[in-house]
């Protein structure tokens, strides 16, 4: 979870640094965390090669799932503040 928040924070700060608004920075931060498919492929290759243990494999898979699952709630919260309509928010 710390990795997810660390990556979110770094991307948020980068977006702010290039002149994006507070809300745009949050949306960039959350969208850049949706990388589970590629991450799962890399994790599986590492596990198959014996580079990572079963415990590390499990933690990385859970992190990939968590970072993907939190994307939609974050977007539903922050996109309307940017003036973008989101399904379920009118």
C-alpha atoms as a PDB file:
ATOM      1  CA  UNK A   1       0.000   0.000   0.000  1.00  0.00           C
ATOM      2  CA  UNK A   2       2.901   2.341   0.723  1.00  0.00           C
ATOM      3  CA  UNK A   3       4.169   1.778  -2.817  1.00  0.00           C
ATOM      4  CA  UNK A   4       0.796   2.755  -4.258  1.00  0.00           C
ATOM      5  CA  UNK A   5       0.612   5.954  -2.223  1.00  0.00           C
ATOM      6  CA  UNK A   6       4.256   6.773  -2.956  1.00  0.00           C
ATOM      7  CA  UNK A   7       3.704   6.473  -6.698  1.00  0.00           C
ATOM      8  CA  UNK A   8       0.482   8.457  -6.460  1.00  0.00           C
ATOM      9  CA  UNK A   9       2.287  11.240  -4.582  1.00  0.00           C
ATOM     10  CA  UNK A  10       5.190  11.402  -7.019  1.00  0.00           C
ATOM     11  CA  UNK A  11       2.880  11.601 -10.024  1.00  0.00           C
ATOM     12  CA  UNK A  12       0.678  14.166  -8.318  1.00  0.00           C
ATOM     13  CA  UNK A  13       3.700  16.361  -7.596  1.00  0.00           C
ATOM     14  CA  UNK A  14       4.977  15.989 -11.169  1.00  0.00           C
ATOM     15  CA  UNK A  15       1.574  17.026 -12.531  1.00  0.00           C
ATOM     16  CA  UNK A  16       1.500  20.062 -10.235  1.00  0.00           C
ATOM     17  CA  UNK A  17       5.066  20.958 -11.230  1.00  0.00           C
ATOM     18  CA  UNK A  18       4.106  21.156 -14.920  1.00  0.00           C
ATOM     19  CA  UNK A  19       1.185  23.457 -14.128  1.00  0.00           C
ATOM     20  CA  UNK A  20      -1.797  21.162 -13.713  1.00  0.00           C
ATOM     21  CA  UNK A  21      -4.451  21.982 -11.142  1.00  0.00           C
ATOM     22  CA  UNK A  22      -4.820  20.235  -7.795  1.00  0.00           C
ATOM     23  CA  UNK A  23      -7.664  18.036  -9.072  1.00  0.00           C
ATOM     24  CA  UNK A  24      -5.914  17.247 -12.367  1.00  0.00           C
ATOM     25  CA  UNK A  25      -2.855  16.165 -10.389  1.00  0.00           C
ATOM     26  CA  UNK A  26      -4.957  13.759  -8.339  1.00  0.00           C
ATOM     27  CA  UNK A  27      -6.531  12.251 -11.458  1.00  0.00           C
ATOM     28  CA  UNK A  28      -3.100  11.787 -13.081  1.00  0.00           C
ATOM     29  CA  UNK A  29      -1.812  10.185  -9.889  1.00  0.00           C
ATOM     30  CA  UNK A  30      -4.668   7.695  -9.641  1.00  0.00           C
ATOM     31  CA  UNK A  31      -4.706   6.834 -13.348  1.00  0.00           C
ATOM     32  CA  UNK A  32      -0.983   6.086 -13.425  1.00  0.00           C
ATOM     33  CA  UNK A  33      -1.504   3.464 -10.699  1.00  0.00           C
ATOM     34  CA  UNK A  34      -3.664   1.247 -12.943  1.00  0.00           C
ATOM     35  CA  UNK A  35      -0.940  -1.024 -14.177  1.00  0.00           C
ATOM     36  CA  UNK A  36      -2.026  -4.403 -12.842  1.00  0.00           C
ATOM     37  CA  UNK A  37      -2.008  -6.412 -16.076  1.00  0.00           C
ATOM     38  CA  UNK A  38       1.613  -5.650 -16.936  1.00  0.00           C
ATOM     39  CA  UNK A  39       2.635  -5.972 -13.307  1.00  0.00           C
ATOM     40  CA  UNK A  40       1.002  -9.391 -13.029  1.00  0.00           C
ATOM     41  CA  UNK A  41       2.864 -10.597 -16.123  1.00  0.00           C
ATOM     42  CA  UNK A  42       6.207  -9.449 -14.712  1.00  0.00           C
ATOM     43  CA  UNK A  43       5.414 -10.934 -11.295  1.00  0.00           C
ATOM     44  CA  UNK A  44       4.545 -14.300 -12.848  1.00  0.00           C
ATOM     45  CA  UNK A  45       7.761 -14.360 -14.877  1.00  0.00           C
ATOM     46  CA  UNK A  46       9.789 -13.507 -11.769  1.00  0.00           C
ATOM     47  CA  UNK A  47       8.045 -16.216  -9.788  1.00  0.00           C
ATOM     48  CA  UNK A  48       8.480 -18.812 -12.555  1.00  0.00           C
ATOM     49  CA  UNK A  49      12.194 -17.997 -12.755  1.00  0.00           C
ATOM     50  CA  UNK A  50      12.520 -18.350  -8.981  1.00  0.00           C
ATOM     51  CA  UNK A  51      13.574 -14.719  -8.530  1.00  0.00           C
ATOM     52  CA  UNK A  52      10.808 -13.984  -6.026  1.00  0.00           C
ATOM     53  CA  UNK A  53       9.420 -16.157  -3.249  1.00  0.00           C
ATOM     54  CA  UNK A  54       5.812 -17.248  -2.773  1.00  0.00           C
ATOM     55  CA  UNK A  55       5.335 -14.647  -0.003  1.00  0.00           C
ATOM     56  CA  UNK A  56       6.656 -11.787  -2.146  1.00  0.00           C
ATOM     57  CA  UNK A  57       4.585 -13.022  -5.087  1.00  0.00           C
ATOM     58  CA  UNK A  58       1.445 -12.927  -2.937  1.00  0.00           C
ATOM     59  CA  UNK A  59       2.190  -9.423  -1.636  1.00  0.00           C
ATOM     60  CA  UNK A  60       2.835  -8.087  -5.146  1.00  0.00           C
ATOM     61  CA  UNK A  61      -0.363  -9.627  -6.527  1.00  0.00           C
ATOM     62  CA  UNK A  62      -2.379  -8.103  -3.670  1.00  0.00           C
ATOM     63  CA  UNK A  63      -0.756  -4.712  -4.298  1.00  0.00           C
ATOM     64  CA  UNK A  64      -1.623  -4.927  -8.015  1.00  0.00           C
ATOM     65  CA  UNK A  65      -5.241  -5.743  -7.194  1.00  0.00           C
ATOM     66  CA  UNK A  66      -5.473  -2.994  -4.562  1.00  0.00           C
ATOM     67  CA  UNK A  67      -4.014  -0.304  -6.815  1.00  0.00           C
ATOM     68  CA  UNK A  68      -6.444  -1.224  -9.581  1.00  0.00           C
ATOM     69  CA  UNK A  69      -9.520  -1.453  -7.335  1.00  0.00           C
ATOM     70  CA  UNK A  70      -9.004   2.015  -5.821  1.00  0.00           C
ATOM     71  CA  UNK A  71      -8.938   3.673  -9.252  1.00  0.00           C
ATOM     72  CA  UNK A  72     -12.685   3.904  -9.859  1.00  0.00           C
ATOM     73  CA  UNK A  73     -13.624   5.323  -6.442  1.00  0.00           C
ATOM     74  CA  UNK A  74     -10.866   7.916  -6.822  1.00  0.00           C
ATOM     75  CA  UNK A  75     -12.042   8.922 -10.281  1.00  0.00           C
ATOM     76  CA  UNK A  76     -15.677   9.084  -9.174  1.00  0.00           C
ATOM     77  CA  UNK A  77     -14.617  11.454  -6.426  1.00  0.00           C
ATOM     78  CA  UNK A  78     -12.198  13.720  -8.306  1.00  0.00           C
ATOM     79  CA  UNK A  79     -13.463  13.914 -11.910  1.00  0.00           C
ATOM     80  CA  UNK A  80     -16.667  15.820 -11.006  1.00  0.00           C
ATOM     81  CA  UNK A  81     -14.511  18.435  -9.271  1.00  0.00           C
ATOM     82  CA  UNK A  82     -12.829  19.017 -12.640  1.00  0.00           C
ATOM     83  CA  UNK A  83     -16.217  19.441 -14.336  1.00  0.00           C
ATOM     84  CA  UNK A  84     -16.193  15.993 -15.971  1.00  0.00           C
ATOM     85  CA  UNK A  85     -19.411  13.979 -15.800  1.00  0.00           C
ATOM     86  CA  UNK A  86     -19.048  10.499 -14.333  1.00  0.00           C
ATOM     87  CA  UNK A  87     -21.653   7.748 -14.582  1.00  0.00           C
ATOM     88  CA  UNK A  88     -23.680   7.767 -11.402  1.00  0.00           C
ATOM     89  CA  UNK A  89     -22.971  11.472 -10.657  1.00  0.00           C
ATOM     90  CA  UNK A  90     -25.343  14.048 -12.087  1.00  0.00           C
END
